[in-house]
Protein backbone atom coordinates (compact mmCIF):
# COMPACT_ATOMS: atom_id res chain seq x y z
CA HIS A 1 146.01 84.65 109.33
CA ALA A 2 145.62 83.44 105.69
CA ALA A 3 143.34 87.03 105.85
CA ALA A 4 145.45 88.55 107.15
CA ARG A 5 147.61 87.49 104.25
CA LEU A 6 145.02 89.03 101.39
CA THR A 7 146.91 91.94 100.14
CA GLY A 8 145.05 94.20 97.38
CA VAL A 9 141.90 95.37 96.11
CA GLY A 10 139.30 92.37 95.01
CA VAL A 11 138.13 89.37 96.01
CA ALA A 12 139.18 86.39 96.69
CA THR A 13 139.99 83.73 94.29
CA ILE A 14 140.07 80.15 94.20
CA TYR A 15 144.00 80.66 93.67
CA ASP A 16 144.33 82.92 97.17
CA VAL A 17 142.64 80.00 98.47
CA ALA A 18 144.75 77.34 97.04
CA ARG A 19 147.85 79.50 97.89
CA ALA A 20 146.74 79.58 101.53
CA ALA A 21 145.74 76.06 102.17
CA GLY A 22 149.24 75.11 100.50
CA VAL A 23 147.15 72.80 98.24
CA THR A 24 146.39 73.28 94.42
CA ALA A 25 143.45 74.66 92.86
CA ALA A 26 141.78 71.81 91.15
CA THR A 27 142.03 70.35 94.96
CA VAL A 28 140.34 73.78 96.21
CA SER A 29 137.07 72.58 93.20
CA VAL A 30 136.80 69.18 93.94
CA ALA A 31 136.45 70.08 98.10
CA LEU A 32 134.25 72.31 97.23
CA SER A 33 132.06 70.77 95.20
CA GLY A 34 131.42 68.31 97.55
CA ARG A 35 132.75 66.16 94.35
CA GLY A 36 135.66 63.35 94.38
CA VAL A 37 137.71 62.60 96.94
CA VAL A 38 139.92 64.75 99.16
CA ASN A 39 141.38 63.61 102.89
CA ALA A 40 139.23 65.00 105.58
CA GLY A 41 142.05 67.31 107.08
CA THR A 42 142.46 68.77 103.61
CA ARG A 43 138.94 69.46 102.95
CA GLU A 44 138.45 70.88 106.16
CA ARG A 45 142.04 73.60 106.35
CA ILE A 46 140.24 74.42 102.84
CA LEU A 47 137.36 75.42 103.19
CA GLN A 48 138.50 77.27 106.26
CA CYS A 49 140.65 79.24 104.24
CA ALA A 50 137.69 79.76 102.03
CA LEU A 51 135.29 81.29 105.35
CA ASP A 52 138.33 83.51 106.51
CA LEU A 53 139.13 84.92 102.84
CA GLY A 54 135.69 85.68 102.30
CA TYR A 55 136.01 83.64 99.12
CA ARG A 56 132.81 83.36 96.30
CA PRO A 57 132.22 81.14 93.37
CA ASN A 58 132.45 82.47 90.19
CA LEU A 59 128.33 81.42 89.58
CA VAL A 60 128.67 82.70 85.91
CA ALA A 61 131.78 79.93 85.67
CA ARG A 62 130.17 78.18 87.64
CA SER A 63 126.23 77.68 85.40
CA LEU A 64 128.68 77.02 82.12
CA SER A 65 130.08 73.88 83.09
CA THR A 66 127.09 73.07 85.22
CA ARG A 67 125.11 73.86 82.50
CA ARG A 68 122.31 75.43 85.38
CA THR A 69 122.27 78.98 86.88
CA HIS A 70 121.03 78.31 90.55
CA THR A 71 118.07 80.46 89.90
CA VAL A 72 114.24 79.73 89.95
CA GLY A 73 111.38 82.09 88.69
CA LEU A 74 108.11 82.91 90.23
CA VAL A 75 105.02 83.99 89.01
CA ILE A 76 102.61 85.99 91.34
CA TYR A 77 99.20 87.21 90.67
CA ASP A 78 99.43 90.66 92.83
CA ILE A 79 102.21 92.01 94.81
CA THR A 80 100.11 94.26 97.06
CA ASN A 81 98.09 91.74 98.26
CA PRO A 82 99.85 91.09 101.24
CA PHE A 83 99.13 86.97 100.63
CA TYR A 84 101.48 87.23 97.31
CA ALA A 85 104.03 89.16 99.32
CA GLU A 86 103.91 86.12 102.40
CA VAL A 87 104.33 83.82 99.55
CA ALA A 88 107.26 85.09 97.44
CA LEU A 89 108.88 85.98 101.04
CA ALA A 90 108.39 82.54 101.93
CA ALA A 91 109.73 81.43 98.10
CA GLU A 92 112.66 83.68 98.11
CA GLN A 93 113.78 81.70 101.96
CA THR A 94 113.01 77.60 101.00
CA ALA A 95 114.86 78.79 97.54
CA ARG A 96 118.07 79.83 99.80
CA ASP A 97 117.65 77.60 102.06
CA ALA A 98 118.76 75.75 98.66
CA GLY A 99 121.29 77.67 97.32
CA TYR A 100 118.52 78.94 95.06
CA ARG A 101 117.97 82.85 94.32
CA LEU A 102 114.37 83.47 93.49
CA ILE A 103 113.58 86.27 90.61
CA PHE A 104 109.99 86.84 90.64
CA ALA A 105 107.49 88.64 88.13
CA ASN A 106 104.07 90.27 88.98
CA THR A 107 101.44 89.20 86.53
CA THR A 108 99.20 92.48 87.28
CA ILE A 109 96.52 90.36 86.32
CA ASP A 110 97.01 90.14 82.67
CA PRO A 111 97.48 86.56 81.02
CA ASP A 112 98.08 88.30 77.06
CA PHE A 113 101.64 89.62 79.92
CA GLY A 114 101.34 86.64 82.13
CA ALA A 115 102.25 84.61 79.35
CA GLU A 116 105.81 87.09 77.94
CA LEU A 117 106.28 86.92 81.55
CA LEU A 118 106.60 82.50 81.57
CA GLN A 119 108.96 82.86 78.35
CA GLU A 120 111.13 85.90 79.61
CA LEU A 121 111.89 83.89 82.15
CA ALA A 122 112.63 80.45 80.40
CA GLY A 123 114.23 82.87 77.83
CA ARG A 124 116.52 84.22 81.12
CA GLN A 125 117.67 81.36 81.88
CA VAL A 126 116.52 79.93 85.32
CA ASP A 127 116.43 76.41 86.18
CA GLY A 128 113.14 76.00 86.90
CA ILE A 129 109.03 77.98 87.49
CA ILE A 130 107.18 77.98 90.29
CA ALA A 131 103.71 79.65 88.86
CA MET A 132 101.15 80.60 90.76
CA PRO A 133 97.78 81.30 89.24
CA GLY A 134 96.16 84.70 88.36
CA GLY A 135 96.85 86.35 85.42
CA LEU A 136 98.07 83.06 83.47
CA ARG A 137 96.25 80.83 81.50
CA ALA A 138 96.61 77.18 82.76
CA ASP A 139 97.76 76.23 78.25
CA ALA A 140 100.60 78.69 78.78
CA LEU A 141 101.64 77.30 82.04
CA ARG A 142 101.96 73.78 80.17
CA ALA A 143 103.36 75.14 76.56
CA VAL A 144 106.53 76.27 78.49
CA ALA A 145 107.58 73.19 81.18
CA GLU A 146 106.67 71.03 77.33
CA THR A 147 109.79 72.49 76.43
CA GLY A 148 111.83 70.71 78.81
CA LEU A 149 112.08 73.47 81.58
CA PRO A 150 110.71 72.25 85.24
CA THR A 151 107.50 74.27 86.05
CA VAL A 152 105.27 73.47 89.04
CA ALA A 153 102.22 74.60 89.37
CA CYS A 154 101.26 75.86 93.16
CA LEU A 155 97.96 76.68 94.87
CA TRP A 156 96.09 75.78 90.80
CA ASP A 157 92.45 74.89 91.34
CA GLU A 158 91.99 71.02 91.08
CA GLU A 159 90.07 71.47 87.22
CA GLN A 160 92.99 73.55 85.84
CA SER A 161 95.22 70.88 87.53
CA VAL A 162 94.61 68.07 85.76
CA ARG A 163 95.72 69.71 82.32
CA LEU A 164 99.23 70.75 84.26
CA PRO A 165 102.25 68.63 84.58
CA TYR A 166 103.38 69.19 88.24
CA THR A 167 101.78 70.35 91.29
CA VAL A 168 100.82 71.68 94.24
CA GLY A 169 97.81 72.46 95.96
CA VAL A 170 94.93 73.57 97.84
CA ASP A 171 91.38 72.22 98.64
CA PHE A 172 89.44 75.83 97.86
CA GLY A 173 85.77 73.94 98.20
CA ALA A 174 87.09 72.37 101.39
CA GLY A 175 87.41 75.86 102.76
CA GLY A 176 84.33 77.02 102.00
CA ARG A 177 82.15 74.89 102.81
CA GLN A 178 84.57 74.66 106.59
CA VAL A 179 82.72 78.49 106.41
CA ALA A 180 79.35 77.62 105.25
CA ASP A 181 78.78 75.59 108.68
CA TYR A 182 80.41 77.67 110.54
CA LEU A 183 77.97 79.89 110.13
CA LEU A 184 74.96 77.58 110.19
CA ASP A 185 76.00 76.11 112.73
CA LEU A 186 76.62 79.02 114.97
CA GLY A 187 73.04 79.63 114.22
CA HIS A 188 73.37 82.34 111.40
CA GLU A 189 70.65 82.54 108.52
CA ARG A 190 70.82 85.25 106.49
CA VAL A 191 74.55 84.47 105.37
CA ALA A 192 75.91 87.01 103.29
CA MET A 193 78.79 86.77 100.52
CA VAL A 194 81.30 90.13 99.22
CA ALA A 195 83.66 87.29 96.50
CA ILE A 196 85.67 87.93 94.28
CA GLY A 197 83.95 89.34 90.71
CA ALA A 198 82.49 86.75 88.90
CA ASP A 199 84.39 86.82 85.61
CA SER A 200 87.27 85.50 88.08
CA GLU A 201 89.11 83.01 87.70
CA THR A 202 87.69 79.25 89.17
CA PHE A 203 90.51 78.72 91.45
CA LEU A 204 89.01 82.29 93.26
CA ARG A 205 85.83 80.97 92.51
CA ALA A 206 86.00 77.65 94.15
CA ARG A 207 86.11 79.16 97.37
CA GLU A 208 82.57 80.79 97.17
CA VAL A 209 81.18 77.94 94.74
CA ALA A 210 81.61 75.28 97.74
CA PHE A 211 80.66 77.96 100.17
CA THR A 212 76.94 78.50 97.96
CA ASP A 213 76.21 74.95 97.40
CA ARG A 214 76.33 74.06 100.77
CA LEU A 215 74.43 76.66 102.48
CA ALA A 216 71.81 75.08 99.40
CA ALA A 217 72.20 71.99 101.00
CA ARG A 218 72.14 72.64 104.37
CA GLY A 219 68.75 74.13 103.58
CA HIS A 220 69.81 77.93 103.42
CA ALA A 221 70.01 78.77 99.60
CA MET A 222 71.67 83.14 99.65
CA PRO A 223 69.06 85.29 98.07
CA ALA A 224 70.72 87.12 95.40
CA ALA A 225 70.27 90.36 97.60
CA TYR A 226 72.98 88.66 99.76
CA TRP A 227 75.63 88.35 97.34
CA GLN A 228 78.18 91.13 96.33
CA TRP A 229 80.51 90.83 93.39
CA ALA A 230 84.25 92.64 94.62
CA ASP A 231 88.03 92.91 93.27
CA SER A 232 89.76 91.45 95.56
CA THR A 233 90.68 95.09 97.10
CA LEU A 234 90.13 96.21 100.73
CA GLU A 235 88.02 99.37 99.11
CA SER A 236 86.00 96.99 97.51
CA GLY A 237 85.18 94.86 100.61
CA TYR A 238 83.52 98.03 102.06
CA GLN A 239 81.88 99.18 99.26
CA ALA A 240 79.80 95.30 99.31
CA THR A 241 79.33 95.95 102.85
CA ARG A 242 77.89 99.25 102.52
CA VAL A 243 75.15 98.51 100.51
CA LEU A 244 74.73 94.78 102.50
CA LEU A 245 73.83 96.49 105.55
CA ASP A 246 71.76 98.97 103.93
CA ARG A 247 69.36 96.04 102.77
CA PRO A 248 65.74 96.18 104.53
CA GLU A 249 66.69 92.77 106.89
CA PRO A 250 70.51 93.18 106.66
CA PRO A 251 72.59 89.97 106.74
CA THR A 252 74.27 88.78 110.48
CA ALA A 253 77.31 87.23 108.93
CA ILE A 254 78.95 88.33 106.13
CA TYR A 255 81.89 86.16 104.73
CA ALA A 256 84.96 87.91 102.58
CA THR A 257 86.23 85.31 99.90
CA ASN A 258 89.92 86.99 101.03
CA ASP A 259 91.45 88.83 103.70
CA ILE A 260 91.91 92.00 101.97
CA MET A 261 88.31 92.22 101.38
CA ALA A 262 87.35 91.03 104.98
CA MET A 263 89.07 94.25 106.08
CA GLY A 264 86.81 96.48 104.20
CA VAL A 265 84.12 94.40 106.02
CA LEU A 266 85.12 95.60 108.89
CA ALA A 267 86.06 98.77 108.29
CA ALA A 268 82.65 99.32 107.14
CA ALA A 269 80.54 97.44 109.87
CA ARG A 270 83.11 99.81 112.18
CA GLU A 271 81.67 102.77 110.54
CA ALA A 272 77.91 102.19 110.28
CA GLY A 273 77.79 101.35 113.64
CA VAL A 274 77.63 97.14 113.29
CA PRO A 275 78.97 96.06 116.64
CA VAL A 276 81.22 92.58 115.23
CA PRO A 277 80.55 89.50 116.27
CA SER A 278 77.36 90.93 118.02
CA GLY A 279 76.38 92.44 115.04
CA LEU A 280 77.75 90.66 112.46
CA SER A 281 79.95 88.01 112.13
CA VAL A 282 82.54 88.55 109.35
CA VAL A 283 85.02 85.41 107.94
CA GLY A 284 88.01 85.71 105.40
CA PHE A 285 90.18 83.31 103.59
CA ASP A 286 93.59 83.27 103.70
CA ASP A 287 95.07 83.78 107.07
CA ILE A 288 97.88 86.53 106.02
CA LYS A 289 99.41 87.75 109.30
CA LEU A 290 97.51 90.86 109.24
CA ALA A 291 94.66 88.50 110.42
CA ARG A 292 95.09 88.30 113.76
CA TYR A 293 95.73 92.11 114.34
CA MET A 294 92.62 93.07 112.71
CA SER A 295 89.85 95.06 115.29
CA PRO A 296 88.71 92.48 116.10
CA PRO A 297 90.65 89.42 115.24
CA LEU A 298 89.56 87.61 111.72
CA THR A 299 88.14 84.47 111.76
CA THR A 300 89.93 83.06 108.57
CA ILE A 301 90.49 80.00 106.65
CA ARG A 302 94.00 79.12 106.98
CA ILE A 303 96.63 78.43 103.65
CA GLU A 304 100.36 77.25 105.42
CA LYS A 305 102.11 79.13 102.94
CA ASP A 306 105.21 78.08 104.20
CA VAL A 307 104.02 74.49 104.02
CA LEU A 308 103.15 75.08 100.01
CA MET A 309 106.21 77.43 98.38
CA ALA A 310 108.17 74.13 100.65
CA GLU A 311 106.18 71.10 98.71
CA ALA A 312 106.22 73.03 96.24
CA MET A 313 110.16 73.54 95.45
CA HIS A 314 111.01 70.55 96.61
CA VAL A 315 109.11 69.65 93.97
CA LEU A 316 110.75 72.26 91.26
CA LEU A 317 114.49 70.74 92.87
CA HIS A 318 113.69 66.99 91.80
CA LEU A 319 112.44 68.05 88.59
CA ILE A 320 116.06 70.05 87.79
CA GLU A 321 117.47 66.41 89.92
CA GLY A 322 115.85 64.66 86.50
CA GLU A 323 114.29 63.12 89.33
CA GLU A 324 110.66 61.15 89.35
CA VAL A 325 108.53 63.30 91.38
CA THR A 326 105.27 61.38 93.74
CA PRO A 327 102.20 63.56 93.08
CA LEU A 328 101.14 65.69 96.12
CA PRO A 329 97.68 65.32 97.42
CA SER A 330 95.20 69.03 97.83
CA ARG A 331 95.97 70.07 100.51
CA ILE A 332 93.16 70.67 103.08
CA PRO A 333 93.01 74.34 104.87
CA ARG A 334 91.77 74.70 108.34
CA LEU A 335 89.16 77.78 109.78
CA ILE A 336 91.02 79.79 112.13
CA GLU A 337 88.36 80.94 114.81
CA ARG A 338 89.28 84.62 116.15
CA GLN A 339 87.07 86.98 118.09
CA SER A 340 85.76 88.75 114.67
CA SER A 341 82.25 85.68 114.93
CA GLY A 342 80.14 84.53 116.55
CA PRO A 343 76.35 83.58 117.49
CA PRO A 344 73.92 85.98 116.15
CA VAL A 345 72.64 87.87 118.99
CA GLY A 346 70.09 85.53 121.41
CA GLN A 347 71.49 82.67 119.95
CA PRO A 348 73.15 80.23 121.74
CA GLN A 349 76.16 78.54 121.04
CA SER A 350 75.75 75.09 118.72
CA PRO A 351 77.33 72.36 120.81
CA ARG A 352 79.37 71.14 117.24
CA ARG A 353 80.89 74.37 116.86
CA LYS A 354 83.80 73.30 118.85
CA GLU A 355 84.24 70.44 116.61
CA VAL A 356 84.35 71.87 113.27
CA VAL A 357 86.74 74.50 113.83
CA GLY A 358 90.35 75.23 114.76
CA THR A 359 91.75 77.54 117.71
CA VAL A 360 94.59 80.08 118.27
């Protein structure tokens, strides 16, 4: 067997494969690259020998000949948030399927550091970058793209996206409007919101502004007392909810603009003895994997992370190949109803409810 004839310590080389297959190293190179013409039977023999020997191409040599490293960079917001951990995993899987390795960097929500990370990734000669908002300025990303390095912006809001070269996005505003309609259709009138801080970036504000605008448009403008700022953490969601539940007329529904803060809302309600959903409906945003396992399972807006990262990688690979890219429309997220929400006590279910809500 070819593998049994490989002796000594080390890694199989292209010459080992050539000897095992009875061909020249040049023929092996052509067969493994997929370029040029090699007899089908010979190609099959070479591939089998390479598999038997455990041959792995010299990526350094390949990068010198192709001027590619077969690596891509992913810049994310905050890896401690499960949403971004899920995004990073989806990106890594998509990159691997395409034959690329992923380098990811966390901005720690610092725009100056984020700009440094972009330059550092470009200096490492990655073949392209996918950048998510949060700790990144649009001008810093645009500056990298203008150097010719293939760059894709993922999940940026529409206002920023028009100033960026290639984007894969979500209509966050549509998600906020769905939450407002859903809670009003359930019959809630005292609706509160736990939103990420007033100085947060616009991609986070869209889900908040659209929600409050839709409430106002339907005659339920949110009082200032029902609006609490938080900082995208479980603890901040918990503390904001304690304040809301201490109001003389506490809300019957709370919308948290991400799922991590919604976990804090649920914890505060549980500690205060407020039953969910009969005493308080809770809705989040993102649909992280933990959402369906919360107690009770969380109603939330689903962002299809796997699909988005596949689309972003698809666009990036076309750019790397120098191909034309057709702009993609922003994806519309969808409300997923679970057991954390329902009508307020004594309120009958709206007949519109099943028409506007996705279920799992």
